[in-house]
PDB file of N, CA and C in Angstrom:
ATOM      1  N   MET A   1      40.107  84.808 124.145  1.00  0.00           N
ATOM      2  CA  MET A   1      39.756  83.513 123.912  1.00  0.00           C
ATOM      3  C   MET A   1      40.993  82.705 123.744  1.00  0.00           C
ATOM      4  N   HIS A   2      41.044  81.468 124.188  1.00  0.00           N
ATOM      5  CA  HIS A   2      42.146  80.641 124.039  1.00  0.00           C
ATOM      6  C   HIS A   2      41.747  79.343 123.196  1.00  0.00           C
ATOM      7  N   SER A   3      42.462  78.992 122.184  1.00  0.00           N
ATOM      8  CA  SER A   3      42.068  77.766 121.413  1.00  0.00           C
ATOM      9  C   SER A   3      43.105  76.818 121.443  1.00  0.00           C
ATOM     10  N   MET A   4      42.795  75.521 121.239  1.00  0.00           N
ATOM     11  CA  MET A   4      43.822  74.482 121.020  1.00  0.00           C
ATOM     12  C   MET A   4      43.137  73.373 120.186  1.00  0.00           C
ATOM     13  N   THR A   5      43.928  72.792 119.480  1.00  0.00           N
ATOM     14  CA  THR A   5      43.641  71.746 118.626  1.00  0.00           C
ATOM     15  C   THR A   5      44.382  70.417 118.966  1.00  0.00           C
ATOM     16  N   GLU A   6      43.626  69.348 119.064  1.00  0.00           N
ATOM     17  CA  GLU A   6      44.227  68.058 119.466  1.00  0.00           C
ATOM     18  C   GLU A   6      43.776  67.032 118.415  1.00  0.00           C
ATOM     19  N   LYS A   7      44.699  66.136 118.176  1.00  0.00           N
ATOM     20  CA  LYS A   7      44.315  64.969 117.361  1.00  0.00           C
ATOM     21  C   LYS A   7      44.213  63.750 118.193  1.00  0.00           C
ATOM     22  N   ILE A   8      43.145  63.032 118.234  1.00  0.00           N
ATOM     23  CA  ILE A   8      42.802  61.905 119.034  1.00  0.00           C
ATOM     24  C   ILE A   8      42.816  60.597 118.111  1.00  0.00           C
ATOM     25  N   ILE A   9      43.532  59.580 118.371  1.00  0.00           N
ATOM     26  CA  ILE A   9      43.521  58.428 117.696  1.00  0.00           C
ATOM     27  C   ILE A   9      42.540  57.450 118.296  1.00  0.00           C
ATOM     28  N   LYS A  10      41.598  57.005 117.661  1.00  0.00           N
ATOM     29  CA  LYS A  10      40.442  56.084 118.207  1.00  0.00           C
ATOM     30  C   LYS A  10      41.014  54.675 118.065  1.00  0.00           C
ATOM     31  N   PRO A  11      40.310  53.814 118.803  1.00  0.00           N
ATOM     32  CA  PRO A  11      40.665  52.451 118.862  1.00  0.00           C
ATOM     33  C   PRO A  11      40.777  51.705 117.479  1.00  0.00           C
ATOM     34  N   ASP A  12      39.986  52.278 116.490  1.00  0.00           N
ATOM     35  CA  ASP A  12      40.117  51.693 115.156  1.00  0.00           C
ATOM     36  C   ASP A  12      41.004  52.394 114.217  1.00  0.00           C
ATOM     37  N   ASP A  13      42.058  53.110 114.892  1.00  0.00           N
ATOM     38  CA  ASP A  13      43.152  53.861 114.168  1.00  0.00           C
ATOM     39  C   ASP A  13      42.693  55.008 113.440  1.00  0.00           C
ATOM     40  N   LYS A  14      41.582  55.397 113.494  1.00  0.00           N
ATOM     41  CA  LYS A  14      41.077  56.669 112.820  1.00  0.00           C
ATOM     42  C   LYS A  14      41.441  57.852 113.653  1.00  0.00           C
ATOM     43  N   ILE A  15      41.809  58.989 113.042  1.00  0.00           N
ATOM     44  CA  ILE A  15      42.241  60.119 113.669  1.00  0.00           C
ATOM     45  C   ILE A  15      41.012  61.157 113.742  1.00  0.00           C
ATOM     46  N   VAL A  16      40.842  61.687 114.817  1.00  0.00           N
ATOM     47  CA  VAL A  16      39.655  62.681 115.040  1.00  0.00           C
ATOM     48  C   VAL A  16      40.363  63.992 115.518  1.00  0.00           C
ATOM     49  N   GLU A  17      40.004  65.013 114.828  1.00  0.00           N
ATOM     50  CA  GLU A  17      40.597  66.401 115.138  1.00  0.00           C
ATOM     51  C   GLU A  17      39.629  67.140 116.084  1.00  0.00           C
ATOM     52  N   VAL A  18      40.061  67.579 117.152  1.00  0.00           N
ATOM     53  CA  VAL A  18      39.198  68.274 118.187  1.00  0.00           C
ATOM     54  C   VAL A  18      39.714  69.564 118.305  1.00  0.00           C
ATOM     55  N   LEU A  19      38.768  70.600 118.262  1.00  0.00           N
ATOM     56  CA  LEU A  19      39.159  72.088 118.567  1.00  0.00           C
ATOM     57  C   LEU A  19      38.459  72.482 119.792  1.00  0.00           C
ATOM     58  N   ALA A  20      39.258  72.969 120.741  1.00  0.00           N
ATOM     59  CA  ALA A  20      38.660  73.359 121.966  1.00  0.00           C
ATOM     60  C   ALA A  20      39.008  74.833 122.116  1.00  0.00           C
ATOM     61  N   GLU A  21      37.884  75.649 122.388  1.00  0.00           N
ATOM     62  CA  GLU A  21      38.081  77.094 122.666  1.00  0.00           C
ATOM     63  C   GLU A  21      37.544  77.495 124.000  1.00  0.00           C
ATOM     64  N   PHE A  22      38.246  78.273 124.670  1.00  0.00           N
ATOM     65  CA  PHE A  22      37.924  78.688 126.084  1.00  0.00           C
ATOM     66  C   PHE A  22      37.706  80.293 126.178  1.00  0.00           C
ATOM     67  N   PRO A  23      36.820  80.776 126.814  1.00  0.00           N
ATOM     68  CA  PRO A  23      36.827  82.209 127.118  1.00  0.00           C
ATOM     69  C   PRO A  23      37.945  82.580 128.088  1.00  0.00           C
ATOM     70  N   VAL A  24      38.250  83.925 128.126  1.00  0.00           N
ATOM     71  CA  VAL A  24      39.248  84.498 128.970  1.00  0.00           C
ATOM     72  C   VAL A  24      38.697  84.122 130.518  1.00  0.00           C
ATOM     73  N   GLY A  25      39.767  83.895 131.396  1.00  0.00           N
ATOM     74  CA  GLY A  25      39.382  83.709 132.700  1.00  0.00           C
ATOM     75  C   GLY A  25      39.929  82.358 133.360  1.00  0.00           C
ATOM     76  N   ALA A  26      39.811  82.225 134.695  1.00  0.00           N
ATOM     77  CA  ALA A  26      40.254  81.014 135.338  1.00  0.00           C
ATOM     78  C   ALA A  26      39.294  79.841 135.196  1.00  0.00           C
ATOM     79  N   GLY A  27      37.957  80.097 134.909  1.00  0.00           N
ATOM     80  CA  GLY A  27      37.003  79.067 134.834  1.00  0.00           C
ATOM     81  C   GLY A  27      36.381  78.743 136.275  1.00  0.00           C
ATOM     82  N   PRO A  28      35.716  77.648 136.546  1.00  0.00           N
ATOM     83  CA  PRO A  28      35.335  76.611 135.501  1.00  0.00           C
ATOM     84  C   PRO A  28      34.344  77.161 134.605  1.00  0.00           C
ATOM     85  N   PHE A  29      34.185  76.446 133.321  1.00  0.00           N
ATOM     86  CA  PHE A  29      33.436  76.833 132.281  1.00  0.00           C
ATOM     87  C   PHE A  29      32.375  75.713 131.959  1.00  0.00           C
ATOM     88  N   PRO A  30      31.203  76.084 131.605  1.00  0.00           N
ATOM     89  CA  PRO A  30      30.316  74.982 131.205  1.00  0.00           C
ATOM     90  C   PRO A  30      30.759  74.463 129.856  1.00  0.00           C
ATOM     91  N   THR A  31      30.409  73.381 129.438  1.00  0.00           N
ATOM     92  CA  THR A  31      30.848  72.607 128.217  1.00  0.00           C
ATOM     93  C   THR A  31      29.596  72.383 127.318  1.00  0.00           C
ATOM     94  N   LEU A  32      29.860  72.772 126.077  1.00  0.00           N
ATOM     95  CA  LEU A  32      29.054  72.395 125.044  1.00  0.00           C
ATOM     96  C   LEU A  32      29.734  71.795 123.823  1.00  0.00           C
ATOM     97  N   ILE A  33      29.386  70.673 123.309  1.00  0.00           N
ATOM     98  CA  ILE A  33      30.107  69.982 122.273  1.00  0.00           C
ATOM     99  C   ILE A  33      29.307  70.141 120.988  1.00  0.00           C
ATOM    100  N   LEU A  34      30.036  70.776 120.002  1.00  0.00           N
ATOM    101  CA  LEU A  34      29.334  70.766 118.617  1.00  0.00           C
ATOM    102  C   LEU A  34      30.019  69.666 117.751  1.00  0.00           C
ATOM    103  N   ALA A  35      29.352  68.788 117.234  1.00  0.00           N
ATOM    104  CA  ALA A  35      29.859  67.677 116.496  1.00  0.00           C
ATOM    105  C   ALA A  35      29.147  67.684 115.165  1.00  0.00           C
ATOM    106  N   PRO A  36      29.757  68.408 114.177  1.00  0.00           N
ATOM    107  CA  PRO A  36      29.079  68.607 112.826  1.00  0.00           C
ATOM    108  C   PRO A  36      29.097  67.433 111.960  1.00  0.00           C
ATOM    109  N   GLY A  37      29.864  66.496 112.189  1.00  0.00           N
ATOM    110  CA  GLY A  37      29.733  65.245 111.323  1.00  0.00           C
ATOM    111  C   GLY A  37      30.752  65.193 110.152  1.00  0.00           C
ATOM    112  N   LEU A  38      30.603  64.072 109.301  1.00  0.00           N
ATOM    113  CA  LEU A  38      31.505  63.878 108.181  1.00  0.00           C
ATOM    114  C   LEU A  38      31.499  64.779 107.114  1.00  0.00           C
ATOM    115  N   ARG A  39      30.310  65.261 106.775  1.00  0.00           N
ATOM    116  CA  ARG A  39      30.261  66.071 105.592  1.00  0.00           C
ATOM    117  C   ARG A  39      30.095  67.480 105.755  1.00  0.00           C
ATOM    118  N   TYR A  40      30.191  67.997 106.911  1.00  0.00           N
ATOM    119  CA  TYR A  40      30.113  69.332 107.343  1.00  0.00           C
ATOM    120  C   TYR A  40      31.131  69.596 108.513  1.00  0.00           C
ATOM    121  N   ASP A  41      32.392  69.903 108.099  1.00  0.00           N
ATOM    122  CA  ASP A  41      33.452  69.933 109.014  1.00  0.00           C
ATOM    123  C   ASP A  41      33.464  71.276 109.985  1.00  0.00           C
ATOM    124  N   MET A  42      34.239  71.174 111.019  1.00  0.00           N
ATOM    125  CA  MET A  42      34.293  72.150 112.103  1.00  0.00           C
ATOM    126  C   MET A  42      34.693  73.539 111.705  1.00  0.00           C
ATOM    127  N   HIS A  43      35.284  73.671 110.332  1.00  0.00           N
ATOM    128  CA  HIS A  43      35.677  75.051 109.972  1.00  0.00           C
ATOM    129  C   HIS A  43      34.648  75.649 109.061  1.00  0.00           C
ATOM    130  N   ARG A  44      33.534  75.208 108.885  1.00  0.00           N
ATOM    131  CA  ARG A  44      32.399  75.772 108.042  1.00  0.00           C
ATOM    132  C   ARG A  44      31.838  76.934 108.840  1.00  0.00           C
ATOM    133  N   PRO A  45      31.283  77.830 107.975  1.00  0.00           N
ATOM    134  CA  PRO A  45      30.789  79.136 108.778  1.00  0.00           C
ATOM    135  C   PRO A  45      29.719  78.943 109.797  1.00  0.00           C
ATOM    136  N   VAL A  46      28.844  78.087 109.663  1.00  0.00           N
ATOM    137  CA  VAL A  46      27.713  77.895 110.570  1.00  0.00           C
ATOM    138  C   VAL A  46      28.350  77.469 111.937  1.00  0.00           C
ATOM    139  N   ILE A  47      29.115  76.458 111.852  1.00  0.00           N
ATOM    140  CA  ILE A  47      29.848  75.945 113.108  1.00  0.00           C
ATOM    141  C   ILE A  47      30.683  77.088 113.865  1.00  0.00           C
ATOM    142  N   ALA A  48      31.521  77.825 113.008  1.00  0.00           N
ATOM    143  CA  ALA A  48      32.273  78.819 113.510  1.00  0.00           C
ATOM    144  C   ALA A  48      31.494  79.976 114.138  1.00  0.00           C
ATOM    145  N   GLN A  49      30.393  80.332 113.450  1.00  0.00           N
ATOM    146  CA  GLN A  49      29.530  81.407 114.005  1.00  0.00           C
ATOM    147  C   GLN A  49      28.840  80.919 115.323  1.00  0.00           C
ATOM    148  N   ILE A  50      28.292  79.784 115.228  1.00  0.00           N
ATOM    149  CA  ILE A  50      27.787  79.303 116.558  1.00  0.00           C
ATOM    150  C   ILE A  50      28.776  79.249 117.763  1.00  0.00           C
ATOM    151  N   ALA A  51      29.959  78.831 117.507  1.00  0.00           N
ATOM    152  CA  ALA A  51      31.050  78.711 118.386  1.00  0.00           C
ATOM    153  C   ALA A  51      31.335  80.192 118.951  1.00  0.00           C
ATOM    154  N   SER A  52      31.411  81.051 118.083  1.00  0.00           N
ATOM    155  CA  SER A  52      31.896  82.551 118.479  1.00  0.00           C
ATOM    156  C   SER A  52      30.768  83.116 119.273  1.00  0.00           C
ATOM    157  N   HIS A  53      29.521  82.877 118.956  1.00  0.00           N
ATOM    158  CA  HIS A  53      28.465  83.382 119.799  1.00  0.00           C
ATOM    159  C   HIS A  53      28.441  82.859 121.095  1.00  0.00           C
ATOM    160  N   LEU A  54      28.666  81.612 121.273  1.00  0.00           N
ATOM    161  CA  LEU A  54      28.710  80.875 122.622  1.00  0.00           C
ATOM    162  C   LEU A  54      29.719  81.357 123.514  1.00  0.00           C
ATOM    163  N   LEU A  55      30.869  81.893 122.924  1.00  0.00           N
ATOM    164  CA  LEU A  55      31.957  82.311 123.708  1.00  0.00           C
ATOM    165  C   LEU A  55      31.948  83.737 124.164  1.00  0.00           C
ATOM    166  N   LEU A  56      30.843  84.418 123.810  1.00  0.00           N
ATOM    167  CA  LEU A  56      30.783  85.803 124.210  1.00  0.00           C
ATOM    168  C   LEU A  56      30.429  86.062 125.597  1.00  0.00           C
TER     169      LEU A  56
END
């Protein structure tokens, strides 16, 4: 698996951190966006578990 984190600056100058994970191989790969929201960040266990199961 290959991971990368990007910080995106929105037009209102807020910064959004995006974590992209890709399975091994050349692709193309289908896309699924998990957007947990303000109070449940992307590093919490449920989001991490869902992401790891999707990349199997």
